[in-house]
Structures are given as C-alpha cells and as structure tokens.
PDB file of all heavy atoms in Angstrom:
ATOM      1  N   THR A   1      62.642 108.710 130.872  1.00  0.00           N
ATOM      2  CA  THR A   1      63.864 108.443 131.611  1.00  0.00           C
ATOM      3  C   THR A   1      64.018 106.943 131.824  1.00  0.00           C
ATOM      4  O   THR A   1      63.116 106.293 132.355  1.00  0.00           O
ATOM      5  CB  THR A   1      63.883 109.154 132.972  1.00  0.00           C
ATOM      6  OG1 THR A   1      63.712 110.561 132.786  1.00  0.00           O
ATOM      7  CG2 THR A   1      65.196 108.913 133.689  1.00  0.00           C
ATOM      8  N   VAL A   2      65.147 106.412 131.408  1.00  0.00           N
ATOM      9  CA  VAL A   2      65.440 104.996 131.610  1.00  0.00           C
ATOM     10  C   VAL A   2      66.300 104.841 132.852  1.00  0.00           C
ATOM     11  O   VAL A   2      67.148 105.700 133.147  1.00  0.00           O
ATOM     12  CB  VAL A   2      66.119 104.389 130.365  1.00  0.00           C
ATOM     13  CG1 VAL A   2      67.461 105.054 130.080  1.00  0.00           C
ATOM     14  CG2 VAL A   2      66.277 102.883 130.514  1.00  0.00           C
ATOM     15  N   SER A   3      66.066 103.779 133.594  1.00  0.00           N
ATOM     16  CA  SER A   3      66.861 103.496 134.780  1.00  0.00           C
ATOM     17  C   SER A   3      67.007 101.984 134.913  1.00  0.00           C
ATOM     18  O   SER A   3      66.368 101.221 134.175  1.00  0.00           O
ATOM     19  CB  SER A   3      66.231 104.107 136.042  1.00  0.00           C
ATOM     20  OG  SER A   3      64.933 103.575 136.259  1.00  0.00           O
ATOM     21  N   ARG A   4      67.844 101.576 135.833  1.00  0.00           N
ATOM     22  CA  ARG A   4      68.056 100.148 136.009  1.00  0.00           C
ATOM     23  C   ARG A   4      68.300  99.835 137.477  1.00  0.00           C
ATOM     24  O   ARG A   4      68.820 100.667 138.235  1.00  0.00           O
ATOM     25  CB  ARG A   4      69.236  99.670 135.156  1.00  0.00           C
ATOM     26  CG  ARG A   4      70.577 100.298 135.533  1.00  0.00           C
ATOM     27  CD  ARG A   4      71.624 100.054 134.440  1.00  0.00           C
ATOM     28  NE  ARG A   4      71.895  98.636 134.261  1.00  0.00           N
ATOM     29  CZ  ARG A   4      72.420  98.105 133.160  1.00  0.00           C
ATOM     30  NH1 ARG A   4      72.718  98.887 132.124  1.00  0.00           N
ATOM     31  NH2 ARG A   4      72.636  96.806 133.088  1.00  0.00           N
ATOM     32  N   ASP A   5      67.911  98.644 137.866  1.00  0.00           N
ATOM     33  CA  ASP A   5      68.184  98.113 139.186  1.00  0.00           C
ATOM     34  C   ASP A   5      68.896  96.786 138.959  1.00  0.00           C
ATOM     35  O   ASP A   5      68.263  95.753 138.721  1.00  0.00           O
ATOM     36  CB  ASP A   5      66.901  97.921 139.982  1.00  0.00           C
ATOM     37  CG  ASP A   5      67.156  97.505 141.421  1.00  0.00           C
ATOM     38  OD1 ASP A   5      68.210  96.929 141.711  1.00  0.00           O
ATOM     39  OD2 ASP A   5      66.275  97.772 142.273  1.00  0.00           O
ATOM     40  N   ASN A   6      70.197  96.821 139.005  1.00  0.00           N
ATOM     41  CA  ASN A   6      70.974  95.624 138.687  1.00  0.00           C
ATOM     42  C   ASN A   6      70.713  94.499 139.682  1.00  0.00           C
ATOM     43  O   ASN A   6      70.762  93.318 139.315  1.00  0.00           O
ATOM     44  CB  ASN A   6      72.464  95.965 138.641  1.00  0.00           C
ATOM     45  CG  ASN A   6      72.825  96.806 137.448  1.00  0.00           C
ATOM     46  OD1 ASN A   6      72.101  96.846 136.457  1.00  0.00           O
ATOM     47  ND2 ASN A   6      73.960  97.488 137.522  1.00  0.00           N
ATOM     48  N   ALA A   7      70.459  94.843 140.939  1.00  0.00           N
ATOM     49  CA  ALA A   7      70.196  93.822 141.940  1.00  0.00           C
ATOM     50  C   ALA A   7      68.930  93.040 141.613  1.00  0.00           C
ATOM     51  O   ALA A   7      68.826  91.854 141.953  1.00  0.00           O
ATOM     52  CB  ALA A   7      70.096  94.437 143.327  1.00  0.00           C
ATOM     53  N   LYS A   8      67.962  93.701 140.989  1.00  0.00           N
ATOM     54  CA  LYS A   8      66.721  93.049 140.601  1.00  0.00           C
ATOM     55  C   LYS A   8      66.727  92.604 139.147  1.00  0.00           C
ATOM     56  O   LYS A   8      65.725  92.043 138.666  1.00  0.00           O
ATOM     57  CB  LYS A   8      65.532  93.989 140.831  1.00  0.00           C
ATOM     58  CG  LYS A   8      65.317  94.368 142.284  1.00  0.00           C
ATOM     59  CD  LYS A   8      64.076  95.231 142.432  1.00  0.00           C
ATOM     60  CE  LYS A   8      63.866  95.637 143.881  1.00  0.00           C
ATOM     61  NZ  LYS A   8      63.618  94.455 144.739  1.00  0.00           N
ATOM     62  N   ASN A   9      67.822  92.857 138.436  1.00  0.00           N
ATOM     63  CA  ASN A   9      67.902  92.530 137.014  1.00  0.00           C
ATOM     64  C   ASN A   9      66.703  93.083 136.255  1.00  0.00           C
ATOM     65  O   ASN A   9      66.112  92.407 135.412  1.00  0.00           O
ATOM     66  CB  ASN A   9      68.036  91.021 136.814  1.00  0.00           C
ATOM     67  CG  ASN A   9      69.406  90.498 137.163  1.00  0.00           C
ATOM     68  OD1 ASN A   9      70.419  91.072 136.773  1.00  0.00           O
ATOM     69  ND2 ASN A   9      69.448  89.395 137.903  1.00  0.00           N
ATOM     70  N   THR A  10      66.381  94.329 136.541  1.00  0.00           N
ATOM     71  CA  THR A  10      65.206  94.967 135.978  1.00  0.00           C
ATOM     72  C   THR A  10      65.566  96.341 135.431  1.00  0.00           C
ATOM     73  O   THR A  10      66.358  97.073 136.037  1.00  0.00           O
ATOM     74  CB  THR A  10      64.096  95.097 137.035  1.00  0.00           C
ATOM     75  OG1 THR A  10      63.748  93.793 137.527  1.00  0.00           O
ATOM     76  CG2 THR A  10      62.855  95.748 136.449  1.00  0.00           C
ATOM     77  N   VAL A  11      64.977  96.670 134.293  1.00  0.00           N
ATOM     78  CA  VAL A  11      65.143  97.965 133.658  1.00  0.00           C
ATOM     79  C   VAL A  11      63.782  98.656 133.618  1.00  0.00           C
ATOM     80  O   VAL A  11      62.751  98.003 133.439  1.00  0.00           O
ATOM     81  CB  VAL A  11      65.711  97.819 132.234  1.00  0.00           C
ATOM     82  CG1 VAL A  11      66.031  99.182 131.632  1.00  0.00           C
ATOM     83  CG2 VAL A  11      66.969  96.954 132.249  1.00  0.00           C
ATOM     84  N   TYR A  12      63.789  99.971 133.779  1.00  0.00           N
ATOM     85  CA  TYR A  12      62.558 100.735 133.849  1.00  0.00           C
ATOM     86  C   TYR A  12      62.559 101.837 132.800  1.00  0.00           C
ATOM     87  O   TYR A  12      63.616 102.313 132.371  1.00  0.00           O
ATOM     88  CB  TYR A  12      62.378 101.376 135.230  1.00  0.00           C
ATOM     89  CG  TYR A  12      62.412 100.396 136.369  1.00  0.00           C
ATOM     90  CD1 TYR A  12      63.606 100.141 137.042  1.00  0.00           C
ATOM     91  CD2 TYR A  12      61.277  99.714 136.760  1.00  0.00           C
ATOM     92  CE1 TYR A  12      63.652  99.234 138.096  1.00  0.00           C
ATOM     93  CE2 TYR A  12      61.319  98.803 137.801  1.00  0.00           C
ATOM     94  CZ  TYR A  12      62.495  98.573 138.467  1.00  0.00           C
ATOM     95  OH  TYR A  12      62.547  97.673 139.503  1.00  0.00           O
ATOM     96  N   LEU A  13      61.378 102.263 132.413  1.00  0.00           N
ATOM     97  CA  LEU A  13      61.208 103.417 131.571  1.00  0.00           C
ATOM     98  C   LEU A  13      60.086 104.268 132.120  1.00  0.00           C
ATOM     99  O   LEU A  13      58.923 103.878 132.066  1.00  0.00           O
ATOM    100  CB  LEU A  13      60.902 103.009 130.112  1.00  0.00           C
ATOM    101  CG  LEU A  13      60.818 104.162 129.118  1.00  0.00           C
ATOM    102  CD1 LEU A  13      62.199 104.806 128.934  1.00  0.00           C
ATOM    103  CD2 LEU A  13      60.275 103.694 127.773  1.00  0.00           C
ATOM    104  N   GLN A  14      60.451 105.413 132.674  1.00  0.00           N
ATOM    105  CA  GLN A  14      59.466 106.363 133.157  1.00  0.00           C
ATOM    106  C   GLN A  14      59.082 107.280 132.003  1.00  0.00           C
ATOM    107  O   GLN A  14      59.938 107.944 131.422  1.00  0.00           O
ATOM    108  CB  GLN A  14      60.022 107.190 134.313  1.00  0.00           C
ATOM    109  CG  GLN A  14      59.072 108.243 134.855  1.00  0.00           C
ATOM    110  CD  GLN A  14      57.863 107.645 135.529  1.00  0.00           C
ATOM    111  OE1 GLN A  14      57.997 106.754 136.354  1.00  0.00           O
ATOM    112  NE2 GLN A  14      56.680 108.120 135.174  1.00  0.00           N
ATOM    113  N   MET A  15      57.803 107.310 131.676  1.00  0.00           N
ATOM    114  CA  MET A  15      57.301 108.086 130.547  1.00  0.00           C
ATOM    115  C   MET A  15      56.339 109.133 131.078  1.00  0.00           C
ATOM    116  O   MET A  15      55.320 108.810 131.679  1.00  0.00           O
ATOM    117  CB  MET A  15      56.609 107.179 129.528  1.00  0.00           C
ATOM    118  CG  MET A  15      57.463 106.019 129.037  1.00  0.00           C
ATOM    119  SD  MET A  15      56.663 105.078 127.711  1.00  0.00           S
ATOM    120  CE  MET A  15      55.239 104.460 128.601  1.00  0.00           C
ATOM    121  N   ASN A  16      56.673 110.385 130.847  1.00  0.00           N
ATOM    122  CA  ASN A  16      55.843 111.503 131.263  1.00  0.00           C
ATOM    123  C   ASN A  16      55.407 112.300 130.046  1.00  0.00           C
ATOM    124  O   ASN A  16      55.989 112.207 128.969  1.00  0.00           O
ATOM    125  CB  ASN A  16      56.608 112.405 132.228  1.00  0.00           C
ATOM    126  CG  ASN A  16      57.029 111.709 133.496  1.00  0.00           C
ATOM    127  OD1 ASN A  16      56.303 110.882 134.030  1.00  0.00           O
ATOM    128  ND2 ASN A  16      58.215 112.052 133.998  1.00  0.00           N
ATOM    129  N   SER A  17      54.382 113.107 130.237  1.00  0.00           N
ATOM    130  CA  SER A  17      53.870 113.975 129.176  1.00  0.00           C
ATOM    131  C   SER A  17      53.635 113.208 127.882  1.00  0.00           C
ATOM    132  O   SER A  17      54.058 113.615 126.804  1.00  0.00           O
ATOM    133  CB  SER A  17      54.836 115.157 128.952  1.00  0.00           C
ATOM    134  OG  SER A  17      55.008 115.909 130.127  1.00  0.00           O
ATOM    135  N   LEU A  18      52.964 112.109 128.005  1.00  0.00           N
ATOM    136  CA  LEU A  18      52.782 111.220 126.855  1.00  0.00           C
ATOM    137  C   LEU A  18      51.952 111.874 125.772  1.00  0.00           C
ATOM    138  O   LEU A  18      51.024 112.642 126.041  1.00  0.00           O
ATOM    139  CB  LEU A  18      52.135 109.911 127.308  1.00  0.00           C
ATOM    140  CG  LEU A  18      53.105 108.950 127.995  1.00  0.00           C
ATOM    141  CD1 LEU A  18      52.341 107.915 128.811  1.00  0.00           C
ATOM    142  CD2 LEU A  18      53.993 108.270 126.964  1.00  0.00           C
ATOM    143  N   LYS A  19      52.306 111.561 124.538  1.00  0.00           N
ATOM    144  CA  LYS A  19      51.657 112.076 123.353  1.00  0.00           C
ATOM    145  C   LYS A  19      51.073 110.930 122.541  1.00  0.00           C
ATOM    146  O   LYS A  19      51.552 109.805 122.630  1.00  0.00           O
ATOM    147  CB  LYS A  19      52.664 112.852 122.487  1.00  0.00           C
ATOM    148  CG  LYS A  19      53.370 113.983 123.193  1.00  0.00           C
ATOM    149  CD  LYS A  19      54.430 114.600 122.300  1.00  0.00           C
ATOM    150  CE  LYS A  19      55.141 115.738 122.980  1.00  0.00           C
ATOM    151  NZ  LYS A  19      56.194 116.320 122.106  1.00  0.00           N
ATOM    152  N   PRO A  20      50.054 111.207 121.728  1.00  0.00           N
ATOM    153  CA  PRO A  20      49.497 110.137 120.893  1.00  0.00           C
ATOM    154  C   PRO A  20      50.544 109.435 120.029  1.00  0.00           C
ATOM    155  O   PRO A  20      50.431 108.233 119.809  1.00  0.00           O
ATOM    156  CB  PRO A  20      48.459 110.870 120.041  1.00  0.00           C
ATOM    157  CG  PRO A  20      48.016 112.001 120.902  1.00  0.00           C
ATOM    158  CD  PRO A  20      49.262 112.454 121.628  1.00  0.00           C
ATOM    159  N   GLU A  21      51.545 110.156 119.559  1.00  0.00           N
ATOM    160  CA  GLU A  21      52.569 109.546 118.744  1.00  0.00           C
ATOM    161  C   GLU A  21      53.484 108.598 119.506  1.00  0.00           C
ATOM    162  O   GLU A  21      54.314 107.921 118.901  1.00  0.00           O
ATOM    163  CB  GLU A  21      53.409 110.611 118.015  1.00  0.00           C
ATOM    164  CG  GLU A  21      53.966 111.680 118.936  1.00  0.00           C
ATOM    165  CD  GLU A  21      53.119 112.934 118.951  1.00  0.00           C
ATOM    166  OE1 GLU A  21      51.869 112.813 119.020  1.00  0.00           O
ATOM    167  OE2 GLU A  21      53.688 114.036 118.907  1.00  0.00           O
ATOM    168  N   ASP A  22      53.354 108.556 120.820  1.00  0.00           N
ATOM    169  CA  ASP A  22      54.083 107.580 121.620  1.00  0.00           C
ATOM    170  C   ASP A  22      53.413 106.210 121.605  1.00  0.00           C
ATOM    171  O   ASP A  22      53.969 105.243 122.133  1.00  0.00           O
ATOM    172  CB  ASP A  22      54.227 108.038 123.066  1.00  0.00           C
ATOM    173  CG  ASP A  22      55.058 109.301 123.201  1.00  0.00           C
ATOM    174  OD1 ASP A  22      56.087 109.423 122.507  1.00  0.00           O
ATOM    175  OD2 ASP A  22      54.673 110.163 124.012  1.00  0.00           O
ATOM    176  N   THR A  23      52.234 106.120 121.037  1.00  0.00           N
ATOM    177  CA  THR A  23      51.518 104.855 120.987  1.00  0.00           C
ATOM    178  C   THR A  23      52.336 103.819 120.225  1.00  0.00           C
ATOM    179  O   THR A  23      52.722 104.036 119.068  1.00  0.00           O
ATOM    180  CB  THR A  23      50.145 105.046 120.321  1.00  0.00           C
ATOM    181  OG1 THR A  23      49.344 105.909 121.126  1.00  0.00           O
ATOM    182  CG2 THR A  23      49.433 103.710 120.153  1.00  0.00           C
ATOM    183  N   ALA A  24      52.593 102.699 120.864  1.00  0.00           N
ATOM    184  CA  ALA A  24      53.421 101.655 120.277  1.00  0.00           C
ATOM    185  C   ALA A  24      53.492 100.490 121.243  1.00  0.00           C
ATOM    186  O   ALA A  24      53.055 100.584 122.394  1.00  0.00           O
ATOM    187  CB  ALA A  24      54.837 102.178 119.987  1.00  0.00           C
ATOM    188  N   VAL A  25      54.047  99.400 120.755  1.00  0.00           N
ATOM    189  CA  VAL A  25      54.439  98.304 121.632  1.00  0.00           C
ATOM    190  C   VAL A  25      55.885  98.556 122.051  1.00  0.00           C
ATOM    191  O   VAL A  25      56.752  98.772 121.199  1.00  0.00           O
ATOM    192  CB  VAL A  25      54.308  96.940 120.945  1.00  0.00           C
ATOM    193  CG1 VAL A  25      54.751  95.823 121.874  1.00  0.00           C
ATOM    194  CG2 VAL A  25      52.861  96.711 120.508  1.00  0.00           C
ATOM    195  N   TYR A  26      56.121  98.531 123.334  1.00  0.00           N
ATOM    196  CA  TYR A  26      57.440  98.828 123.884  1.00  0.00           C
ATOM    197  C   TYR A  26      58.142  97.553 124.312  1.00  0.00           C
ATOM    198  O   TYR A  26      57.544  96.695 124.966  1.00  0.00           O
ATOM    199  CB  TYR A  26      57.318  99.785 125.072  1.00  0.00           C
ATOM    200  CG  TYR A  26      57.042 101.208 124.657  1.00  0.00           C
ATOM    201  CD1 TYR A  26      55.801 101.566 124.153  1.00  0.00           C
ATOM    202  CD2 TYR A  26      58.032 102.188 124.755  1.00  0.00           C
ATOM    203  CE1 TYR A  26      55.535 102.863 123.742  1.00  0.00           C
ATOM    204  CE2 TYR A  26      57.780 103.487 124.352  1.00  0.00           C
ATOM    205  CZ  TYR A  26      56.533 103.826 123.846  1.00  0.00           C
ATOM    206  OH  TYR A  26      56.291 105.118 123.454  1.00  0.00           O
ATOM    207  N   TYR A  27      59.394  97.440 123.921  1.00  0.00           N
ATOM    208  CA  TYR A  27      60.219  96.276 124.206  1.00  0.00           C
ATOM    209  C   TYR A  27      61.509  96.693 124.893  1.00  0.00           C
ATOM    210  O   TYR A  27      62.003  97.799 124.667  1.00  0.00           O
ATOM    211  CB  TYR A  27      60.607  95.545 122.913  1.00  0.00           C
ATOM    212  CG  TYR A  27      59.472  95.119 122.017  1.00  0.00           C
ATOM    213  CD1 TYR A  27      58.935  95.984 121.082  1.00  0.00           C
ATOM    214  CD2 TYR A  27      58.958  93.833 122.106  1.00  0.00           C
ATOM    215  CE1 TYR A  27      57.907  95.583 120.246  1.00  0.00           C
ATOM    216  CE2 TYR A  27      57.930  93.425 121.270  1.00  0.00           C
ATOM    217  CZ  TYR A  27      57.417  94.303 120.338  1.00  0.00           C
ATOM    218  OH  TYR A  27      56.400  93.905 119.511  1.00  0.00           O
ATOM    219  N   CYS A  28      62.062  95.796 125.662  1.00  0.00           N
ATOM    220  CA  CYS A  28      63.421  95.972 126.148  1.00  0.00           C
ATOM    221  C   CYS A  28      64.304  94.893 125.560  1.00  0.00           C
ATOM    222  O   CYS A  28      63.836  93.848 125.116  1.00  0.00           O
ATOM    223  CB  CYS A  28      63.483  95.950 127.685  1.00  0.00           C
ATOM    224  SG  CYS A  28      63.071  94.371 128.443  1.00  0.00           S
ATOM    225  N   ASN A  29      65.583  95.163 125.540  1.00  0.00           N
ATOM    226  CA  ASN A  29      66.551  94.204 125.058  1.00  0.00           C
ATOM    227  C   ASN A  29      67.945  94.780 125.311  1.00  0.00           C
ATOM    228  O   ASN A  29      68.087  95.854 125.862  1.00  0.00           O
ATOM    229  CB  ASN A  29      66.354  93.878 123.570  1.00  0.00           C
ATOM    230  CG  ASN A  29      66.732  92.448 123.227  1.00  0.00           C
ATOM    231  OD1 ASN A  29      67.848  92.007 123.482  1.00  0.00           O
ATOM    232  ND2 ASN A  29      65.786  91.710 122.643  1.00  0.00           N
ATOM    233  N   LEU A  30      68.948  94.040 124.894  1.00  0.00           N
ATOM    234  CA  LEU A  30      70.293  94.580 124.934  1.00  0.00           C
ATOM    235  C   LEU A  30      70.374  95.785 124.019  1.00  0.00           C
ATOM    236  O   LEU A  30      69.647  95.890 123.030  1.00  0.00           O
ATOM    237  CB  LEU A  30      71.313  93.539 124.504  1.00  0.00           C
ATOM    238  CG  LEU A  30      71.336  92.209 125.260  1.00  0.00           C
ATOM    239  CD1 LEU A  30      72.449  91.325 124.680  1.00  0.00           C
ATOM    240  CD2 LEU A  30      71.551  92.429 126.743  1.00  0.00           C
ATOM    241  N   ALA A  31      71.284  96.694 124.343  1.00  0.00           N
ATOM    242  CA  ALA A  31      71.490  97.834 123.472  1.00  0.00           C
ATOM    243  C   ALA A  31      71.973  97.411 122.097  1.00  0.00           C
ATOM    244  O   ALA A  31      71.769  98.125 121.115  1.00  0.00           O
ATOM    245  CB  ALA A  31      72.472  98.819 124.113  1.00  0.00           C
ATOM    246  N   THR A  32      72.628  96.291 122.034  1.00  0.00           N
ATOM    247  CA  THR A  32      72.967  95.645 120.774  1.00  0.00           C
ATOM    248  C   THR A  32      72.123  94.392 120.670  1.00  0.00           C
ATOM    249  O   THR A  32      72.488  93.338 121.200  1.00  0.00           O
ATOM    250  CB  THR A  32      74.464  95.301 120.704  1.00  0.00           C
ATOM    251  OG1 THR A  32      75.246  96.492 120.887  1.00  0.00           O
ATOM    252  CG2 THR A  32      74.803  94.689 119.363  1.00  0.00           C
ATOM    253  N   PRO A  33      70.963  94.483 120.006  1.00  0.00           N
ATOM    254  CA  PRO A  33      70.045  93.335 119.988  1.00  0.00           C
ATOM    255  C   PRO A  33      70.518  92.243 119.034  1.00  0.00           C
ATOM    256  O   PRO A  33      71.493  92.419 118.290  1.00  0.00           O
ATOM    257  CB  PRO A  33      68.734  93.973 119.491  1.00  0.00           C
ATOM    258  CG  PRO A  33      69.176  95.109 118.638  1.00  0.00           C
ATOM    259  CD  PRO A  33      70.419  95.651 119.291  1.00  0.00           C
ATOM    260  N   GLY A  34      69.806  91.142 119.077  1.00  0.00           N
ATOM    261  CA  GLY A  34      70.120  90.023 118.225  1.00  0.00           C
ATOM    262  C   GLY A  34      70.590  88.790 118.958  1.00  0.00           C
ATOM    263  O   GLY A  34      70.620  87.695 118.367  1.00  0.00           O
ATOM    264  N   ARG A  35      70.948  88.932 120.217  1.00  0.00           N
ATOM    265  CA  ARG A  35      71.417  87.797 120.997  1.00  0.00           C
ATOM    266  C   ARG A  35      70.319  87.194 121.854  1.00  0.00           C
ATOM    267  O   ARG A  35      70.332  85.990 122.119  1.00  0.00           O
ATOM    268  CB  ARG A  35      72.569  88.228 121.895  1.00  0.00           C
ATOM    269  CG  ARG A  35      73.810  88.698 121.148  1.00  0.00           C
ATOM    270  CD  ARG A  35      74.873  89.181 122.110  1.00  0.00           C
ATOM    271  NE  ARG A  35      75.266  88.144 123.052  1.00  0.00           N
ATOM    272  CZ  ARG A  35      76.051  88.335 124.105  1.00  0.00           C
ATOM    273  NH1 ARG A  35      76.535  89.556 124.346  1.00  0.00           N
ATOM    274  NH2 ARG A  35      76.349  87.340 124.903  1.00  0.00           N
ATOM    275  N   ILE A  36      69.382  88.007 122.292  1.00  0.00           N
ATOM    276  CA  ILE A  36      68.291  87.559 123.155  1.00  0.00           C
ATOM    277  C   ILE A  36      66.974  87.714 122.410  1.00  0.00           C
ATOM    278  O   ILE A  36      66.721  88.756 121.814  1.00  0.00           O
ATOM    279  CB  ILE A  36      68.261  88.373 124.458  1.00  0.00           C
ATOM    280  CG1 ILE A  36      69.580  88.213 125.210  1.00  0.00           C
ATOM    281  CG2 ILE A  36      67.087  87.963 125.336  1.00  0.00           C
ATOM    282  CD1 ILE A  36      69.667  89.057 126.461  1.00  0.00           C
ATOM    283  N   PRO A  37      66.111  86.701 122.440  1.00  0.00           N
ATOM    284  CA  PRO A  37      64.836  86.828 121.752  1.00  0.00           C
ATOM    285  C   PRO A  37      64.014  87.980 122.312  1.00  0.00           C
ATOM    286  O   PRO A  37      64.049  88.272 123.514  1.00  0.00           O
ATOM    287  CB  PRO A  37      64.142  85.479 122.017  1.00  0.00           C
ATOM    288  CG  PRO A  37      65.262  84.538 122.327  1.00  0.00           C
ATOM    289  CD  PRO A  37      66.302  85.365 123.035  1.00  0.00           C
ATOM    290  N   TRP A  38      63.275  88.616 121.422  1.00  0.00           N
ATOM    291  CA  TRP A  38      62.378  89.675 121.843  1.00  0.00           C
ATOM    292  C   TRP A  38      61.241  89.109 122.677  1.00  0.00           C
ATOM    293  O   TRP A  38      60.708  88.034 122.383  1.00  0.00           O
ATOM    294  CB  TRP A  38      61.802  90.419 120.635  1.00  0.00           C
ATOM    295  CG  TRP A  38      62.823  91.133 119.824  1.00  0.00           C
ATOM    296  CD1 TRP A  38      63.455  90.683 118.709  1.00  0.00           C
ATOM    297  CD2 TRP A  38      63.347  92.448 120.082  1.00  0.00           C
ATOM    298  NE1 TRP A  38      64.344  91.624 118.242  1.00  0.00           N
ATOM    299  CE2 TRP A  38      64.296  92.714 119.060  1.00  0.00           C
ATOM    300  CE3 TRP A  38      63.108  93.413 121.054  1.00  0.00           C
ATOM    301  CZ2 TRP A  38      65.005  93.919 118.996  1.00  0.00           C
ATOM    302  CZ3 TRP A  38      63.814  94.605 121.000  1.00  0.00           C
ATOM    303  CH2 TRP A  38      64.747  94.847 119.983  1.00  0.00           C
ATOM    304  N   GLY A  39      60.861  89.839 123.707  1.00  0.00           N
ATOM    305  CA  GLY A  39      59.673  89.483 124.454  1.00  0.00           C
ATOM    306  C   GLY A  39      58.426  89.898 123.715  1.00  0.00           C
ATOM    307  O   GLY A  39      58.460  90.320 122.555  1.00  0.00           O
ATOM    308  N   GLN A  40      57.279  89.768 124.390  1.00  0.00           N
ATOM    309  CA  GLN A  40      56.013  90.156 123.755  1.00  0.00           C
ATOM    310  C   GLN A  40      55.792  91.656 123.770  1.00  0.00           C
ATOM    311  O   GLN A  40      54.932  92.156 123.052  1.00  0.00           O
ATOM    312  CB  GLN A  40      54.845  89.453 124.440  1.00  0.00           C
ATOM    313  CG  GLN A  40      54.803  87.958 124.198  1.00  0.00           C
ATOM    314  CD  GLN A  40      53.521  87.328 124.683  1.00  0.00           C
ATOM    315  OE1 GLN A  40      52.737  87.945 125.412  1.00  0.00           O
ATOM    316  NE2 GLN A  40      53.286  86.090 124.279  1.00  0.00           N
ATOM    317  N   GLY A  41      56.561  92.369 124.565  1.00  0.00           N
ATOM    318  CA  GLY A  41      56.390  93.798 124.667  1.00  0.00           C
ATOM    319  C   GLY A  41      55.160  94.153 125.503  1.00  0.00           C
ATOM    320  O   GLY A  41      54.395  93.296 125.920  1.00  0.00           O
ATOM    321  N   THR A  42      55.001  95.438 125.738  1.00  0.00           N
ATOM    322  CA  THR A  42      53.840  95.935 126.454  1.00  0.00           C
ATOM    323  C   THR A  42      53.244  97.092 125.663  1.00  0.00           C
ATOM    324  O   THR A  42      53.950  97.986 125.209  1.00  0.00           O
ATOM    325  CB  THR A  42      54.209  96.343 127.903  1.00  0.00           C
ATOM    326  OG1 THR A  42      53.030  96.712 128.615  1.00  0.00           O
ATOM    327  CG2 THR A  42      55.214  97.493 127.928  1.00  0.00           C
ATOM    328  N   GLN A  43      51.947  97.050 125.472  1.00  0.00           N
ATOM    329  CA  GLN A  43      51.257  98.030 124.643  1.00  0.00           C
ATOM    330  C   GLN A  43      51.030  99.322 125.418  1.00  0.00           C
ATOM    331  O   GLN A  43      50.504  99.311 126.526  1.00  0.00           O
ATOM    332  CB  GLN A  43      49.904  97.476 124.181  1.00  0.00           C
ATOM    333  CG  GLN A  43      49.056  98.472 123.392  1.00  0.00           C
ATOM    334  CD  GLN A  43      49.592  98.725 122.005  1.00  0.00           C
ATOM    335  OE1 GLN A  43      49.877  97.786 121.266  1.00  0.00           O
ATOM    336  NE2 GLN A  43      49.752 100.000 121.654  1.00  0.00           N
TER     337      GLN A  43
END
C-alpha cells in the first residue's frame, strides 16, 4: 500500500506478506520519471 503525507513531502510504501521475489532495490520518483535524478534506493 502506497501513501503520502504532503505536509511532510514524504511518500510511504507499506509492504506486507513479503515474498523472496520482492527482493530488489526500491526507489521513489515521480510517476512520470526522468525529471528528478534517481536516489540510491533502499535494499
């Protein structure tokens, strides 16, 4: 489930029932990327 707190300029991703295939580096960005550089992500 994705959510946002505009007052904090923060976006969240709640991940439940995780599976091995969810293993990845996770990034946030605009829904239309290309304008803002990618961050380092979180593993």
